[in-house]
Amino acid sequence: MTREIYIENLKCGGCANTIKNGLNEIKGIDNVEVNVEDSKVSFNAPENIVETIKAKLSKLGYPEVGDENNLLHKAKSFVSCAVGRIK
């Protein structure tokens, strides 16, 4: 089933690369797509791993819209953005 999560701190293709790489590490997820303009992550995954996916996004610095978006999240997203541009 295709699911969507709107996230904070998504700025560019580097961020998108980091998100795709990070989420593809989770068993059971596939077809990860990141829409930078809409700050949206789309994927196919069973309901029972959606919270794991949200936690991974937050750990990378991209919490779901409506969740806490503190300075640590913003700093992590800045670093993961830079890393995503390198890879």
N, C-alpha and C. Protein backbone atom coordinates (compact mmCIF):
# COMPACT_ATOMS: atom_id res chain seq x y z
N MET A 1 0.84 -1.18 0.00
CA MET A 1 0.00 0.00 0.00
C MET A 1 0.89 1.25 0.00
N THR A 2 0.58 2.20 -0.86
CA THR A 2 1.34 3.43 -0.92
C THR A 2 0.94 4.35 0.23
N ARG A 3 1.96 4.84 0.91
CA ARG A 3 1.76 5.74 2.05
C ARG A 3 2.55 7.02 1.81
N GLU A 4 2.12 8.10 2.48
CA GLU A 4 2.79 9.39 2.35
C GLU A 4 3.01 9.98 3.74
N ILE A 5 4.17 10.58 3.91
CA ILE A 5 4.47 11.32 5.13
C ILE A 5 5.03 12.67 4.72
N TYR A 6 4.45 13.72 5.26
CA TYR A 6 4.97 15.07 5.03
C TYR A 6 5.97 15.37 6.13
N ILE A 7 7.14 15.88 5.74
CA ILE A 7 8.24 16.04 6.68
C ILE A 7 8.74 17.48 6.73
N GLU A 8 9.49 17.77 7.78
CA GLU A 8 10.13 19.08 7.98
C GLU A 8 11.57 19.02 7.47
N ASN A 9 12.14 20.17 7.21
CA ASN A 9 13.57 20.37 6.92
C ASN A 9 14.06 19.83 5.57
N LEU A 10 13.17 19.43 4.70
CA LEU A 10 13.57 18.91 3.39
C LEU A 10 13.88 20.10 2.47
N LYS A 11 15.14 20.16 2.00
CA LYS A 11 15.57 21.33 1.25
C LYS A 11 15.98 21.05 -0.19
N CYS A 12 16.55 19.85 -0.45
CA CYS A 12 17.16 19.67 -1.76
C CYS A 12 17.31 18.19 -2.11
N GLY A 13 17.92 17.95 -3.25
CA GLY A 13 18.17 16.59 -3.70
C GLY A 13 19.13 15.83 -2.80
N GLY A 14 20.05 16.54 -2.13
CA GLY A 14 20.94 15.88 -1.18
C GLY A 14 20.16 15.30 -0.03
N CYS A 15 19.20 16.07 0.47
CA CYS A 15 18.31 15.57 1.53
C CYS A 15 17.55 14.34 1.02
N ALA A 16 17.03 14.44 -0.18
CA ALA A 16 16.24 13.35 -0.76
C ALA A 16 17.08 12.07 -0.87
N ASN A 17 18.34 12.20 -1.29
CA ASN A 17 19.22 11.03 -1.39
C ASN A 17 19.43 10.38 -0.03
N THR A 18 19.67 11.20 0.98
CA THR A 18 19.87 10.67 2.33
C THR A 18 18.63 9.94 2.81
N ILE A 19 17.47 10.51 2.57
CA ILE A 19 16.21 9.90 3.00
C ILE A 19 16.01 8.57 2.29
N LYS A 20 16.19 8.55 0.98
CA LYS A 20 16.02 7.30 0.22
C LYS A 20 16.96 6.22 0.72
N ASN A 21 18.23 6.56 0.88
CA ASN A 21 19.21 5.59 1.34
C ASN A 21 18.88 5.09 2.74
N GLY A 22 18.48 5.99 3.61
CA GLY A 22 18.15 5.61 4.98
C GLY A 22 16.92 4.73 5.06
N LEU A 23 15.88 5.08 4.33
CA LEU A 23 14.65 4.29 4.39
C LEU A 23 14.81 2.94 3.69
N ASN A 24 15.62 2.89 2.66
CA ASN A 24 15.82 1.61 1.97
C ASN A 24 16.55 0.58 2.83
N GLU A 25 17.11 1.00 3.96
CA GLU A 25 17.73 0.08 4.91
C GLU A 25 16.68 -0.69 5.72
N ILE A 26 15.45 -0.21 5.73
CA ILE A 26 14.39 -0.83 6.52
C ILE A 26 13.77 -1.97 5.74
N LYS A 27 13.75 -3.13 6.34
CA LYS A 27 13.16 -4.31 5.69
C LYS A 27 11.64 -4.12 5.57
N GLY A 28 11.13 -4.38 4.37
CA GLY A 28 9.69 -4.30 4.13
C GLY A 28 9.24 -3.05 3.42
N ILE A 29 10.14 -2.09 3.22
CA ILE A 29 9.77 -0.85 2.51
C ILE A 29 10.30 -0.92 1.08
N ASP A 30 9.54 -0.38 0.15
CA ASP A 30 10.03 -0.27 -1.22
C ASP A 30 9.38 0.91 -1.92
N ASN A 31 9.86 1.20 -3.11
CA ASN A 31 9.37 2.31 -3.93
C ASN A 31 9.40 3.65 -3.18
N VAL A 32 10.52 3.94 -2.53
CA VAL A 32 10.66 5.20 -1.80
C VAL A 32 10.85 6.33 -2.81
N GLU A 33 10.01 7.33 -2.71
CA GLU A 33 10.09 8.53 -3.55
C GLU A 33 10.06 9.75 -2.64
N VAL A 34 10.86 10.76 -2.96
CA VAL A 34 10.90 11.98 -2.16
C VAL A 34 10.57 13.16 -3.08
N ASN A 35 9.54 13.90 -2.72
CA ASN A 35 9.14 15.09 -3.47
C ASN A 35 9.61 16.31 -2.69
N VAL A 36 10.69 16.93 -3.15
CA VAL A 36 11.29 18.05 -2.44
C VAL A 36 10.34 19.24 -2.39
N GLU A 37 9.67 19.54 -3.48
CA GLU A 37 8.76 20.69 -3.53
C GLU A 37 7.64 20.60 -2.51
N ASP A 38 7.09 19.40 -2.30
CA ASP A 38 5.98 19.22 -1.38
C ASP A 38 6.41 18.73 0.00
N SER A 39 7.70 18.52 0.19
CA SER A 39 8.23 17.96 1.46
C SER A 39 7.50 16.68 1.83
N LYS A 40 7.42 15.78 0.83
CA LYS A 40 6.65 14.55 1.01
C LYS A 40 7.50 13.34 0.67
N VAL A 41 7.35 12.31 1.50
CA VAL A 41 7.99 11.02 1.25
C VAL A 41 6.89 10.01 0.99
N SER A 42 6.96 9.31 -0.13
CA SER A 42 5.99 8.27 -0.49
C SER A 42 6.71 6.94 -0.53
N PHE A 43 6.01 5.88 -0.15
CA PHE A 43 6.62 4.56 -0.12
C PHE A 43 5.55 3.49 -0.01
N ASN A 44 5.93 2.26 -0.29
CA ASN A 44 5.07 1.11 -0.06
C ASN A 44 5.62 0.39 1.16
N ALA A 45 4.74 0.15 2.13
CA ALA A 45 5.16 -0.56 3.34
C ALA A 45 3.92 -0.99 4.11
N PRO A 46 4.02 -2.08 4.85
CA PRO A 46 2.91 -2.49 5.70
C PRO A 46 2.75 -1.54 6.88
N GLU A 47 1.54 -1.47 7.39
CA GLU A 47 1.21 -0.56 8.50
C GLU A 47 2.12 -0.78 9.71
N ASN A 48 2.51 -2.02 9.95
CA ASN A 48 3.26 -2.32 11.17
C ASN A 48 4.68 -1.74 11.20
N ILE A 49 5.18 -1.20 10.09
CA ILE A 49 6.51 -0.58 10.13
C ILE A 49 6.48 0.93 9.91
N VAL A 50 5.30 1.52 9.83
CA VAL A 50 5.20 2.96 9.58
C VAL A 50 5.84 3.76 10.72
N GLU A 51 5.65 3.34 11.96
CA GLU A 51 6.27 4.06 13.09
C GLU A 51 7.78 3.95 13.04
N THR A 52 8.30 2.81 12.59
CA THR A 52 9.75 2.65 12.42
C THR A 52 10.25 3.61 11.36
N ILE A 53 9.51 3.77 10.30
CA ILE A 53 9.87 4.69 9.22
C ILE A 53 9.87 6.13 9.72
N LYS A 54 8.85 6.51 10.47
CA LYS A 54 8.79 7.87 11.04
C LYS A 54 9.96 8.12 11.98
N ALA A 55 10.30 7.12 12.77
CA ALA A 55 11.43 7.26 13.70
C ALA A 55 12.74 7.42 12.94
N LYS A 56 12.91 6.69 11.85
CA LYS A 56 14.11 6.80 11.03
C LYS A 56 14.21 8.19 10.41
N LEU A 57 13.09 8.68 9.88
CA LEU A 57 13.08 10.03 9.30
C LEU A 57 13.48 11.06 10.35
N SER A 58 12.93 10.94 11.54
CA SER A 58 13.25 11.88 12.62
C SER A 58 14.72 11.79 13.00
N LYS A 59 15.24 10.57 13.07
CA LYS A 59 16.66 10.37 13.41
C LYS A 59 17.57 11.01 12.36
N LEU A 60 17.15 10.99 11.11
CA LEU A 60 17.92 11.62 10.03
C LEU A 60 17.81 13.14 10.04
N GLY A 61 16.84 13.68 10.81
CA GLY A 61 16.65 15.13 10.88
C GLY A 61 15.42 15.62 10.15
N TYR A 62 14.53 14.70 9.78
CA TYR A 62 13.34 15.05 9.00
C TYR A 62 12.08 14.53 9.70
N PRO A 63 11.69 15.16 10.82
CA PRO A 63 10.50 14.68 11.52
C PRO A 63 9.23 14.95 10.72
N GLU A 64 8.21 14.19 11.02
CA GLU A 64 6.91 14.38 10.37
C GLU A 64 6.36 15.75 10.74
N VAL A 65 5.69 16.40 9.80
CA VAL A 65 5.04 17.68 10.07
C VAL A 65 4.09 17.48 11.25
N GLY A 66 4.18 18.37 12.22
CA GLY A 66 3.35 18.28 13.41
C GLY A 66 4.11 17.70 14.60
N ASP A 67 5.19 16.98 14.34
CA ASP A 67 6.04 16.47 15.42
C ASP A 67 7.03 17.56 15.81
N GLU A 68 7.71 17.35 16.93
CA GLU A 68 8.70 18.32 17.38
C GLU A 68 9.82 18.43 16.34
N ASN A 69 10.16 19.67 16.01
CA ASN A 69 11.25 19.95 15.07
C ASN A 69 12.23 20.89 15.77
N ASN A 70 13.09 20.30 16.58
CA ASN A 70 13.98 21.11 17.40
C ASN A 70 15.31 21.39 16.69
N LEU A 71 16.18 22.08 17.40
CA LEU A 71 17.48 22.46 16.83
C LEU A 71 18.29 21.24 16.43
N LEU A 72 18.21 20.16 17.20
CA LEU A 72 18.94 18.94 16.88
C LEU A 72 18.47 18.36 15.54
N HIS A 73 17.16 18.34 15.31
CA HIS A 73 16.63 17.85 14.03
C HIS A 73 17.17 18.71 12.88
N LYS A 74 17.14 20.02 13.08
CA LYS A 74 17.60 20.93 12.03
C LYS A 74 19.09 20.74 11.73
N ALA A 75 19.88 20.54 12.78
CA ALA A 75 21.31 20.31 12.59
C ALA A 75 21.57 18.99 11.87
N LYS A 76 20.84 17.95 12.27
CA LYS A 76 20.99 16.64 11.62
C LYS A 76 20.61 16.72 10.15
N SER A 77 19.54 17.45 9.84
CA SER A 77 19.11 17.55 8.44
C SER A 77 20.15 18.30 7.62
N PHE A 78 20.79 19.29 8.22
CA PHE A 78 21.84 20.03 7.52
C PHE A 78 23.00 19.10 7.17
N VAL A 79 23.42 18.28 8.13
CA VAL A 79 24.52 17.35 7.90
C VAL A 79 24.12 16.28 6.89
N SER A 80 22.92 15.70 7.05
CA SER A 80 22.51 14.64 6.13
C SER A 80 22.29 15.20 4.72
N CYS A 81 21.92 16.44 4.62
CA CYS A 81 21.80 17.10 3.31
C CYS A 81 23.17 17.13 2.63
N ALA A 82 24.18 17.55 3.37
CA ALA A 82 25.54 17.61 2.82
C ALA A 82 26.05 16.25 2.43
N VAL A 83 25.81 15.25 3.28
CA VAL A 83 26.24 13.88 2.99
C VAL A 83 25.54 13.36 1.73
N GLY A 84 24.26 13.65 1.61
CA GLY A 84 23.49 13.21 0.44
C GLY A 84 23.99 13.81 -0.86
N ARG A 85 24.56 14.98 -0.80
CA ARG A 85 25.10 15.62 -2.00
C ARG A 85 26.40 14.98 -2.43
N ILE A 86 27.14 14.46 -1.47
CA ILE A 86 28.43 13.84 -1.76
C ILE A 86 28.25 12.50 -2.43
N LYS A 87 27.27 11.74 -1.95
CA LYS A 87 27.07 10.37 -2.45
C LYS A 87 26.46 10.40 -3.77
